[in-house]
Amino acid sequence: MTRTLKERTFSGTMNPEIQPWETEHRKVARRAAAEGMVLLKNEDHILPLKAGSAVALYGAGAGKTIKGGTGSGDVNEREKVSICEGMKNAGFQITTGAWIN
């Protein structure tokens, strides 16, 4: 039995310069994300968390966050920030950091 390896293609760019359309697309994506977020019930007024709060993150997506999805939802990304990195950048203490890859 002979196996044939599927050839992978790269549909992104090798150009290191950020293009004007990329900047515009980032703005649209940021606005869509902000408008689409929904907070959980907040009867105890815990949210939003104060910067510096200790937070536990669980699941593979915390460290290996998929940007855009897989399959038909796949996107070419110049850069990405995982949920864990984003929370750290926002000033939160991640208590489960040793478990996140």
PDB file of N, CA and C in Angstrom:
ATOM      1  N   MET A   1       0.849  -1.177   0.000  1.00  0.00           N
ATOM      2  CA  MET A   1       0.000   0.000   0.000  1.00  0.00           C
ATOM      3  C   MET A   1       0.897   1.244   0.000  1.00  0.00           C
ATOM      4  N   THR A   2       0.661   2.126  -0.925  1.00  0.00           N
ATOM      5  CA  THR A   2       1.421   3.361  -1.023  1.00  0.00           C
ATOM      6  C   THR A   2       0.580   4.514  -0.489  1.00  0.00           C
ATOM      7  N   ARG A   3       1.178   5.295   0.365  1.00  0.00           N
ATOM      8  CA  ARG A   3       0.478   6.477   0.902  1.00  0.00           C
ATOM      9  C   ARG A   3       0.910   7.713   0.143  1.00  0.00           C
ATOM     10  N   THR A   4      -0.033   8.555  -0.135  1.00  0.00           N
ATOM     11  CA  THR A   4       0.258   9.821  -0.779  1.00  0.00           C
ATOM     12  C   THR A   4       0.016  10.927   0.234  1.00  0.00           C
ATOM     13  N   LEU A   5       1.016  11.746   0.442  1.00  0.00           N
ATOM     14  CA  LEU A   5       0.866  12.867   1.367  1.00  0.00           C
ATOM     15  C   LEU A   5       0.164  14.015   0.662  1.00  0.00           C
ATOM     16  N   LYS A   6      -0.766  14.601   1.366  1.00  0.00           N
ATOM     17  CA  LYS A   6      -1.483  15.751   0.819  1.00  0.00           C
ATOM     18  C   LYS A   6      -0.563  16.964   0.865  1.00  0.00           C
ATOM     19  N   GLU A   7      -0.465  17.657  -0.240  1.00  0.00           N
ATOM     20  CA  GLU A   7       0.372  18.849  -0.296  1.00  0.00           C
ATOM     21  C   GLU A   7      -0.341  20.000   0.394  1.00  0.00           C
ATOM     22  N   ARG A   8       0.356  20.666   1.270  1.00  0.00           N
ATOM     23  CA  ARG A   8      -0.218  21.819   1.967  1.00  0.00           C
ATOM     24  C   ARG A   8       0.153  23.082   1.217  1.00  0.00           C
ATOM     25  N   THR A   9      -0.775  23.985   1.122  1.00  0.00           N
ATOM     26  CA  THR A   9      -0.512  25.257   0.465  1.00  0.00           C
ATOM     27  C   THR A   9      -0.647  26.378   1.488  1.00  0.00           C
ATOM     28  N   PHE A  10       0.053  27.433   1.251  1.00  0.00           N
ATOM     29  CA  PHE A  10       0.006  28.603   2.128  1.00  0.00           C
ATOM     30  C   PHE A  10      -0.698  29.716   1.380  1.00  0.00           C
ATOM     31  N   SER A  11      -1.860  30.129   1.895  1.00  0.00           N
ATOM     32  CA  SER A  11      -2.639  31.151   1.197  1.00  0.00           C
ATOM     33  C   SER A  11      -2.424  32.548   1.771  1.00  0.00           C
ATOM     34  N   GLY A  12      -1.545  32.659   2.751  1.00  0.00           N
ATOM     35  CA  GLY A  12      -1.282  33.959   3.376  1.00  0.00           C
ATOM     36  C   GLY A  12      -0.235  34.743   2.605  1.00  0.00           C
ATOM     37  N   THR A  13       0.302  35.735   3.246  1.00  0.00           N
ATOM     38  CA  THR A  13       1.314  36.573   2.613  1.00  0.00           C
ATOM     39  C   THR A  13       2.645  36.393   3.330  1.00  0.00           C
ATOM     40  N   MET A  14       3.710  36.544   2.615  1.00  0.00           N
ATOM     41  CA  MET A  14       5.050  36.514   3.200  1.00  0.00           C
ATOM     42  C   MET A  14       5.568  37.941   3.391  1.00  0.00           C
ATOM     43  N   ASN A  15       4.771  38.922   2.977  1.00  0.00           N
ATOM     44  CA  ASN A  15       5.150  40.327   3.086  1.00  0.00           C
ATOM     45  C   ASN A  15       5.056  40.751   4.552  1.00  0.00           C
ATOM     46  N   PRO A  16       6.153  41.198   5.161  1.00  0.00           N
ATOM     47  CA  PRO A  16       6.120  41.579   6.577  1.00  0.00           C
ATOM     48  C   PRO A  16       5.423  42.912   6.857  1.00  0.00           C
ATOM     49  N   GLU A  17       5.154  43.693   5.808  1.00  0.00           N
ATOM     50  CA  GLU A  17       4.515  44.993   6.002  1.00  0.00           C
ATOM     51  C   GLU A  17       3.010  44.837   6.159  1.00  0.00           C
ATOM     52  N   ILE A  18       2.454  45.487   7.176  1.00  0.00           N
ATOM     53  CA  ILE A  18       1.007  45.458   7.380  1.00  0.00           C
ATOM     54  C   ILE A  18       0.354  46.309   6.305  1.00  0.00           C
ATOM     55  N   GLN A  19      -0.606  45.737   5.625  1.00  0.00           N
ATOM     56  CA  GLN A  19      -1.289  46.411   4.525  1.00  0.00           C
ATOM     57  C   GLN A  19      -2.450  47.259   5.063  1.00  0.00           C
ATOM     58  N   PRO A  20      -2.818  48.335   4.345  1.00  0.00           N
ATOM     59  CA  PRO A  20      -3.920  49.193   4.797  1.00  0.00           C
ATOM     60  C   PRO A  20      -5.220  48.418   5.031  1.00  0.00           C
ATOM     61  N   TRP A  21      -5.523  47.450   4.175  1.00  0.00           N
ATOM     62  CA  TRP A  21      -6.756  46.687   4.337  1.00  0.00           C
ATOM     63  C   TRP A  21      -6.732  45.862   5.618  1.00  0.00           C
ATOM     64  N   GLU A  22      -5.526  45.417   6.051  1.00  0.00           N
ATOM     65  CA  GLU A  22      -5.427  44.663   7.299  1.00  0.00           C
ATOM     66  C   GLU A  22      -5.809  45.544   8.491  1.00  0.00           C
ATOM     67  N   THR A  23      -5.352  46.772   8.472  1.00  0.00           N
ATOM     68  CA  THR A  23      -5.672  47.712   9.545  1.00  0.00           C
ATOM     69  C   THR A  23      -7.172  47.960   9.606  1.00  0.00           C
ATOM     70  N   GLU A  24      -7.798  48.152   8.456  1.00  0.00           N
ATOM     71  CA  GLU A  24      -9.245  48.374   8.407  1.00  0.00           C
ATOM     72  C   GLU A  24     -10.007  47.132   8.874  1.00  0.00           C
ATOM     73  N   HIS A  25      -9.563  45.963   8.458  1.00  0.00           N
ATOM     74  CA  HIS A  25     -10.226  44.725   8.870  1.00  0.00           C
ATOM     75  C   HIS A  25     -10.114  44.502  10.375  1.00  0.00           C
ATOM     76  N   ARG A  26      -8.974  44.869  10.952  1.00  0.00           N
ATOM     77  CA  ARG A  26      -8.814  44.757  12.409  1.00  0.00           C
ATOM     78  C   ARG A  26      -9.814  45.638  13.140  1.00  0.00           C
ATOM     79  N   LYS A  27     -10.015  46.849  12.623  1.00  0.00           N
ATOM     80  CA  LYS A  27     -10.976  47.762  13.250  1.00  0.00           C
ATOM     81  C   LYS A  27     -12.390  47.185  13.214  1.00  0.00           C
ATOM     82  N   VAL A  28     -12.768  46.632  12.050  1.00  0.00           N
ATOM     83  CA  VAL A  28     -14.101  46.046  11.902  1.00  0.00           C
ATOM     84  C   VAL A  28     -14.255  44.851  12.838  1.00  0.00           C
ATOM     85  N   ALA A  29     -13.240  43.982  12.894  1.00  0.00           N
ATOM     86  CA  ALA A  29     -13.302  42.798  13.754  1.00  0.00           C
ATOM     87  C   ALA A  29     -13.392  43.189  15.222  1.00  0.00           C
ATOM     88  N   ARG A  30     -12.633  44.193  15.623  1.00  0.00           N
ATOM     89  CA  ARG A  30     -12.659  44.652  17.023  1.00  0.00           C
ATOM     90  C   ARG A  30     -14.032  45.207  17.377  1.00  0.00           C
ATOM     91  N   ARG A  31     -14.602  46.011  16.486  1.00  0.00           N
ATOM     92  CA  ARG A  31     -15.920  46.591  16.727  1.00  0.00           C
ATOM     93  C   ARG A  31     -16.993  45.502  16.798  1.00  0.00           C
ATOM     94  N   ALA A  32     -16.929  44.528  15.891  1.00  0.00           N
ATOM     95  CA  ALA A  32     -17.901  43.434  15.887  1.00  0.00           C
ATOM     96  C   ALA A  32     -17.805  42.610  17.167  1.00  0.00           C
ATOM     97  N   ALA A  33     -16.587  42.368  17.639  1.00  0.00           N
ATOM     98  CA  ALA A  33     -16.406  41.597  18.875  1.00  0.00           C
ATOM     99  C   ALA A  33     -16.976  42.358  20.069  1.00  0.00           C
ATOM    100  N   ALA A  34     -16.684  43.642  20.152  1.00  0.00           N
ATOM    101  CA  ALA A  34     -17.180  44.448  21.275  1.00  0.00           C
ATOM    102  C   ALA A  34     -18.704  44.524  21.279  1.00  0.00           C
ATOM    103  N   GLU A  35     -19.308  44.672  20.112  1.00  0.00           N
ATOM    104  CA  GLU A  35     -20.768  44.771  20.024  1.00  0.00           C
ATOM    105  C   GLU A  35     -21.455  43.425  20.249  1.00  0.00           C
ATOM    106  N   GLY A  36     -20.737  42.335  19.998  1.00  0.00           N
ATOM    107  CA  GLY A  36     -21.332  41.018  20.105  1.00  0.00           C
ATOM    108  C   GLY A  36     -21.176  40.350  21.460  1.00  0.00           C
ATOM    109  N   MET A  37     -20.409  40.945  22.356  1.00  0.00           N
ATOM    110  CA  MET A  37     -20.191  40.329  23.672  1.00  0.00           C
ATOM    111  C   MET A  37     -21.413  40.472  24.561  1.00  0.00           C
ATOM    112  N   VAL A  38     -21.669  39.441  25.316  1.00  0.00           N
ATOM    113  CA  VAL A  38     -22.790  39.428  26.245  1.00  0.00           C
ATOM    114  C   VAL A  38     -22.252  39.042  27.616  1.00  0.00           C
ATOM    115  N   LEU A  39     -22.582  39.826  28.629  1.00  0.00           N
ATOM    116  CA  LEU A  39     -22.170  39.485  29.997  1.00  0.00           C
ATOM    117  C   LEU A  39     -23.178  38.532  30.615  1.00  0.00           C
ATOM    118  N   LEU A  40     -22.686  37.700  31.516  1.00  0.00           N
ATOM    119  CA  LEU A  40     -23.565  36.808  32.249  1.00  0.00           C
ATOM    120  C   LEU A  40     -24.398  37.604  33.238  1.00  0.00           C
ATOM    121  N   LYS A  41     -25.387  36.958  33.811  1.00  0.00           N
ATOM    122  CA  LYS A  41     -26.194  37.599  34.839  1.00  0.00           C
ATOM    123  C   LYS A  41     -25.251  38.143  35.913  1.00  0.00           C
ATOM    124  N   ASN A  42     -25.430  39.354  36.326  1.00  0.00           N
ATOM    125  CA  ASN A  42     -24.486  40.019  37.219  1.00  0.00           C
ATOM    126  C   ASN A  42     -25.200  40.550  38.465  1.00  0.00           C
ATOM    127  N   GLU A  43     -26.032  39.723  39.055  1.00  0.00           N
ATOM    128  CA  GLU A  43     -26.813  40.160  40.217  1.00  0.00           C
ATOM    129  C   GLU A  43     -25.949  40.536  41.414  1.00  0.00           C
ATOM    130  N   ASP A  44     -24.801  39.871  41.549  1.00  0.00           N
ATOM    131  CA  ASP A  44     -23.928  40.149  42.694  1.00  0.00           C
ATOM    132  C   ASP A  44     -22.924  41.255  42.399  1.00  0.00           C
ATOM    133  N   HIS A  45     -23.007  41.847  41.219  1.00  0.00           N
ATOM    134  CA  HIS A  45     -22.136  42.960  40.810  1.00  0.00           C
ATOM    135  C   HIS A  45     -20.661  42.592  40.907  1.00  0.00           C
ATOM    136  N   ILE A  46     -20.344  41.369  40.467  1.00  0.00           N
ATOM    137  CA  ILE A  46     -18.959  40.912  40.459  1.00  0.00           C
ATOM    138  C   ILE A  46     -18.237  41.399  39.209  1.00  0.00           C
ATOM    139  N   LEU A  47     -18.989  41.540  38.120  1.00  0.00           N
ATOM    140  CA  LEU A  47     -18.409  41.958  36.848  1.00  0.00           C
ATOM    141  C   LEU A  47     -18.536  43.457  36.666  1.00  0.00           C
ATOM    142  N   PRO A  48     -17.639  44.126  36.042  1.00  0.00           N
ATOM    143  CA  PRO A  48     -16.394  43.586  35.508  1.00  0.00           C
ATOM    144  C   PRO A  48     -15.371  43.352  36.616  1.00  0.00           C
ATOM    145  N   LEU A  49     -14.486  42.400  36.400  1.00  0.00           N
ATOM    146  CA  LEU A  49     -13.434  42.106  37.368  1.00  0.00           C
ATOM    147  C   LEU A  49     -12.452  43.263  37.409  1.00  0.00           C
ATOM    148  N   LYS A  50     -11.912  43.497  38.559  1.00  0.00           N
ATOM    149  CA  LYS A  50     -10.903  44.547  38.703  1.00  0.00           C
ATOM    150  C   LYS A  50      -9.551  44.029  38.223  1.00  0.00           C
ATOM    151  N   ALA A  51      -8.785  44.893  37.550  1.00  0.00           N
ATOM    152  CA  ALA A  51      -7.436  44.517  37.112  1.00  0.00           C
ATOM    153  C   ALA A  51      -6.645  44.053  38.329  1.00  0.00           C
ATOM    154  N   GLY A  52      -5.863  43.020  38.161  1.00  0.00           N
ATOM    155  CA  GLY A  52      -5.086  42.477  39.266  1.00  0.00           C
ATOM    156  C   GLY A  52      -5.788  41.316  39.960  1.00  0.00           C
ATOM    157  N   SER A  53      -7.066  41.084  39.633  1.00  0.00           N
ATOM    158  CA  SER A  53      -7.802  39.974  40.235  1.00  0.00           C
ATOM    159  C   SER A  53      -7.177  38.647  39.828  1.00  0.00           C
ATOM    160  N   ALA A  54      -7.295  37.653  40.706  1.00  0.00           N
ATOM    161  CA  ALA A  54      -6.831  36.304  40.404  1.00  0.00           C
ATOM    162  C   ALA A  54      -7.917  35.583  39.623  1.00  0.00           C
ATOM    163  N   VAL A  55      -7.531  34.972  38.498  1.00  0.00           N
ATOM    164  CA  VAL A  55      -8.478  34.302  37.613  1.00  0.00           C
ATOM    165  C   VAL A  55      -7.937  32.914  37.267  1.00  0.00           C
ATOM    166  N   ALA A  56      -8.815  31.911  37.313  1.00  0.00           N
ATOM    167  CA  ALA A  56      -8.453  30.559  36.886  1.00  0.00           C
ATOM    168  C   ALA A  56      -9.005  30.338  35.486  1.00  0.00           C
ATOM    169  N   LEU A  57      -8.155  29.895  34.577  1.00  0.00           N
ATOM    170  CA  LEU A  57      -8.569  29.584  33.212  1.00  0.00           C
ATOM    171  C   LEU A  57      -8.442  28.082  33.005  1.00  0.00           C
ATOM    172  N   TYR A  58      -9.420  27.482  32.317  1.00  0.00           N
ATOM    173  CA  TYR A  58      -9.423  26.048  32.075  1.00  0.00           C
ATOM    174  C   TYR A  58      -9.701  25.769  30.608  1.00  0.00           C
ATOM    175  N   GLY A  59      -9.207  24.656  30.127  1.00  0.00           N
ATOM    176  CA  GLY A  59      -9.466  24.230  28.764  1.00  0.00           C
ATOM    177  C   GLY A  59      -8.328  24.565  27.827  1.00  0.00           C
ATOM    178  N   ALA A  60      -8.209  23.761  26.769  1.00  0.00           N
ATOM    179  CA  ALA A  60      -7.124  23.927  25.801  1.00  0.00           C
ATOM    180  C   ALA A  60      -7.174  25.286  25.110  1.00  0.00           C
ATOM    181  N   GLY A  61      -8.362  25.852  24.943  1.00  0.00           N
ATOM    182  CA  GLY A  61      -8.504  27.128  24.259  1.00  0.00           C
ATOM    183  C   GLY A  61      -7.910  28.308  25.005  1.00  0.00           C
ATOM    184  N   ALA A  62      -7.656  28.153  26.296  1.00  0.00           N
ATOM    185  CA  ALA A  62      -7.076  29.252  27.071  1.00  0.00           C
ATOM    186  C   ALA A  62      -5.658  29.561  26.615  1.00  0.00           C
ATOM    187  N   GLY A  63      -4.892  28.524  26.271  1.00  0.00           N
ATOM    188  CA  GLY A  63      -3.509  28.726  25.837  1.00  0.00           C
ATOM    189  C   GLY A  63      -3.330  28.608  24.340  1.00  0.00           C
ATOM    190  N   LYS A  64      -4.127  27.769  23.713  1.00  0.00           N
ATOM    191  CA  LYS A  64      -4.045  27.563  22.259  1.00  0.00           C
ATOM    192  C   LYS A  64      -5.357  28.025  21.630  1.00  0.00           C
ATOM    193  N   THR A  65      -5.607  29.304  21.763  1.00  0.00           N
ATOM    194  CA  THR A  65      -6.849  29.886  21.280  1.00  0.00           C
ATOM    195  C   THR A  65      -6.897  29.827  19.758  1.00  0.00           C
ATOM    196  N   ILE A  66      -8.005  29.335  19.221  1.00  0.00           N
ATOM    197  CA  ILE A  66      -8.188  29.266  17.773  1.00  0.00           C
ATOM    198  C   ILE A  66      -8.817  30.569  17.312  1.00  0.00           C
ATOM    199  N   LYS A  67      -8.131  31.249  16.444  1.00  0.00           N
ATOM    200  CA  LYS A  67      -8.631  32.521  15.927  1.00  0.00           C
ATOM    201  C   LYS A  67      -9.386  32.251  14.640  1.00  0.00           C
ATOM    202  N   GLY A  68     -10.684  32.419  14.666  1.00  0.00           N
ATOM    203  CA  GLY A  68     -11.486  32.270  13.466  1.00  0.00           C
ATOM    204  C   GLY A  68     -12.100  30.901  13.286  1.00  0.00           C
ATOM    205  N   GLY A  69     -11.509  29.875  13.827  1.00  0.00           N
ATOM    206  CA  GLY A  69     -12.079  28.548  13.686  1.00  0.00           C
ATOM    207  C   GLY A  69     -11.210  27.631  12.863  1.00  0.00           C
ATOM    208  N   THR A  70     -11.783  26.506  12.485  1.00  0.00           N
ATOM    209  CA  THR A  70     -11.068  25.537  11.670  1.00  0.00           C
ATOM    210  C   THR A  70     -11.914  25.249  10.432  1.00  0.00           C
ATOM    211  N   GLY A  71     -11.356  24.549   9.494  1.00  0.00           N
ATOM    212  CA  GLY A  71     -12.104  24.241   8.271  1.00  0.00           C
ATOM    213  C   GLY A  71     -12.462  25.508   7.519  1.00  0.00           C
ATOM    214  N   SER A  72     -13.739  25.690   7.207  1.00  0.00           N
ATOM    215  CA  SER A  72     -14.156  26.856   6.433  1.00  0.00           C
ATOM    216  C   SER A  72     -14.067  28.152   7.238  1.00  0.00           C
ATOM    217  N   GLY A  73     -13.913  28.052   8.559  1.00  0.00           N
ATOM    218  CA  GLY A  73     -13.761  29.239   9.396  1.00  0.00           C
ATOM    219  C   GLY A  73     -12.314  29.655   9.591  1.00  0.00           C
ATOM    220  N   ASP A  74     -11.383  28.958   8.933  1.00  0.00           N
ATOM    221  CA  ASP A  74      -9.965  29.240   9.080  1.00  0.00           C
ATOM    222  C   ASP A  74      -9.634  30.628   8.536  1.00  0.00           C
ATOM    223  N   VAL A  75      -8.713  31.293   9.181  1.00  0.00           N
ATOM    224  CA  VAL A  75      -8.268  32.617   8.736  1.00  0.00           C
ATOM    225  C   VAL A  75      -6.745  32.660   8.713  1.00  0.00           C
ATOM    226  N   ASN A  76      -6.207  33.481   7.851  1.00  0.00           N
ATOM    227  CA  ASN A  76      -4.770  33.744   7.863  1.00  0.00           C
ATOM    228  C   ASN A  76      -4.537  34.811   8.914  1.00  0.00           C
ATOM    229  N   GLU A  77      -3.600  34.569   9.778  1.00  0.00           N
ATOM    230  CA  GLU A  77      -3.359  35.525  10.853  1.00  0.00           C
ATOM    231  C   GLU A  77      -1.912  35.984  10.838  1.00  0.00           C
ATOM    232  N   ARG A  78      -1.733  37.262  10.956  1.00  0.00           N
ATOM    233  CA  ARG A  78      -0.383  37.809  11.044  1.00  0.00           C
ATOM    234  C   ARG A  78       0.132  37.658  12.468  1.00  0.00           C
ATOM    235  N   GLU A  79      -0.775  37.800  13.413  1.00  0.00           N
ATOM    236  CA  GLU A  79      -0.415  37.646  14.825  1.00  0.00           C
ATOM    237  C   GLU A  79      -1.663  37.254  15.589  1.00  0.00           C
ATOM    238  N   LYS A  80      -1.488  36.721  16.782  1.00  0.00           N
ATOM    239  CA  LYS A  80      -2.636  36.377  17.614  1.00  0.00           C
ATOM    240  C   LYS A  80      -2.231  36.478  19.072  1.00  0.00           C
ATOM    241  N   VAL A  81      -3.230  36.621  19.918  1.00  0.00           N
ATOM    242  CA  VAL A  81      -3.038  36.675  21.361  1.00  0.00           C
ATOM    243  C   VAL A  81      -3.984  35.638  21.951  1.00  0.00           C
ATOM    244  N   SER A  82      -3.458  34.725  22.746  1.00  0.00           N
ATOM    245  CA  SER A  82      -4.317  33.719  23.367  1.00  0.00           C
ATOM    246  C   SER A  82      -5.144  34.377  24.474  1.00  0.00           C
ATOM    247  N   ILE A  83      -6.158  33.662  24.926  1.00  0.00           N
ATOM    248  CA  ILE A  83      -6.976  34.176  26.032  1.00  0.00           C
ATOM    249  C   ILE A  83      -6.102  34.409  27.251  1.00  0.00           C
ATOM    250  N   CYS A  84      -5.205  33.473  27.535  1.00  0.00           N
ATOM    251  CA  CYS A  84      -4.310  33.606  28.692  1.00  0.00           C
ATOM    252  C   CYS A  84      -3.421  34.846  28.563  1.00  0.00           C
ATOM    253  N   GLU A  85      -2.804  35.022  27.392  1.00  0.00           N
ATOM    254  CA  GLU A  85      -1.959  36.198  27.173  1.00  0.00           C
ATOM    255  C   GLU A  85      -2.764  37.487  27.305  1.00  0.00           C
ATOM    256  N   GLY A  86      -3.963  37.495  26.746  1.00  0.00           N
ATOM    257  CA  GLY A  86      -4.808  38.685  26.814  1.00  0.00           C
ATOM    258  C   GLY A  86      -5.179  39.036  28.237  1.00  0.00           C
ATOM    259  N   MET A  87      -5.509  38.024  29.025  1.00  0.00           N
ATOM    260  CA  MET A  87      -5.851  38.269  30.432  1.00  0.00           C
ATOM    261  C   MET A  87      -4.640  38.791  31.204  1.00  0.00           C
ATOM    262  N   LYS A  88      -3.470  38.224  30.953  1.00  0.00           N
ATOM    263  CA  LYS A  88      -2.236  38.709  31.595  1.00  0.00           C
ATOM    264  C   LYS A  88      -1.955  40.151  31.177  1.00  0.00           C
ATOM    265  N   ASN A  89      -2.098  40.420  29.873  1.00  0.00           N
ATOM    266  CA  ASN A  89      -1.857  41.777  29.361  1.00  0.00           C
ATOM    267  C   ASN A  89      -2.813  42.789  29.969  1.00  0.00           C
ATOM    268  N   ALA A  90      -4.014  42.334  30.337  1.00  0.00           N
ATOM    269  CA  ALA A  90      -5.017  43.217  30.940  1.00  0.00           C
ATOM    270  C   ALA A  90      -4.793  43.384  32.442  1.00  0.00           C
ATOM    271  N   GLY A  91      -3.783  42.705  32.992  1.00  0.00           N
ATOM    272  CA  GLY A  91      -3.445  42.897  34.396  1.00  0.00           C
ATOM    273  C   GLY A  91      -3.991  41.854  35.354  1.00  0.00           C
ATOM    274  N   PHE A  92      -4.520  40.747  34.839  1.00  0.00           N
ATOM    275  CA  PHE A  92      -5.056  39.705  35.711  1.00  0.00           C
ATOM    276  C   PHE A  92      -3.969  38.712  36.102  1.00  0.00           C
ATOM    277  N   GLN A  93      -4.113  38.130  37.286  1.00  0.00           N
ATOM    278  CA  GLN A  93      -3.204  37.080  37.749  1.00  0.00           C
ATOM    279  C   GLN A  93      -3.830  35.746  37.376  1.00  0.00           C
ATOM    280  N   ILE A  94      -3.141  34.944  36.591  1.00  0.00           N
ATOM    281  CA  ILE A  94      -3.666  33.646  36.154  1.00  0.00           C
ATOM    282  C   ILE A  94      -3.188  32.588  37.136  1.00  0.00           C
ATOM    283  N   THR A  95      -4.117  32.014  37.882  1.00  0.00           N
ATOM    284  CA  THR A  95      -3.753  31.038  38.919  1.00  0.00           C
ATOM    285  C   THR A  95      -3.484  29.654  38.356  1.00  0.00           C
ATOM    286  N   THR A  96      -3.929  29.383  37.138  1.00  0.00           N
ATOM    287  CA  THR A  96      -3.748  28.056  36.529  1.00  0.00           C
ATOM    288  C   THR A  96      -2.696  28.079  35.425  1.00  0.00           C
ATOM    289  N   GLY A  97      -1.808  29.045  35.466  1.00  0.00           N
ATOM    290  CA  GLY A  97      -0.810  29.220  34.408  1.00  0.00           C
ATOM    291  C   GLY A  97       0.067  28.010  34.183  1.00  0.00           C
ATOM    292  N   ALA A  98       0.379  27.248  35.217  1.00  0.00           N
ATOM    293  CA  ALA A  98       1.233  26.073  35.079  1.00  0.00           C
ATOM    294  C   ALA A  98       0.558  24.983  34.252  1.00  0.00           C
ATOM    295  N   TRP A  99      -0.750  24.986  34.159  1.00  0.00           N
ATOM    296  CA  TRP A  99      -1.480  23.951  33.424  1.00  0.00           C
ATOM    297  C   TRP A  99      -1.779  24.339  31.989  1.00  0.00           C
ATOM    298  N   ILE A 100      -1.551  25.593  31.654  1.00  0.00           N
ATOM    299  CA  ILE A 100      -1.901  26.077  30.320  1.00  0.00           C
ATOM    300  C   ILE A 100      -0.685  25.982  29.415  1.00  0.00           C
ATOM    301  N   ASN A 101      -0.873  25.376  28.274  1.00  0.00           N
ATOM    302  CA  ASN A 101       0.235  25.231  27.297  1.00  0.00           C
ATOM    303  C   ASN A 101       0.273  26.416  26.380  1.00  0.00           C
TER     304      ASN A 101
END
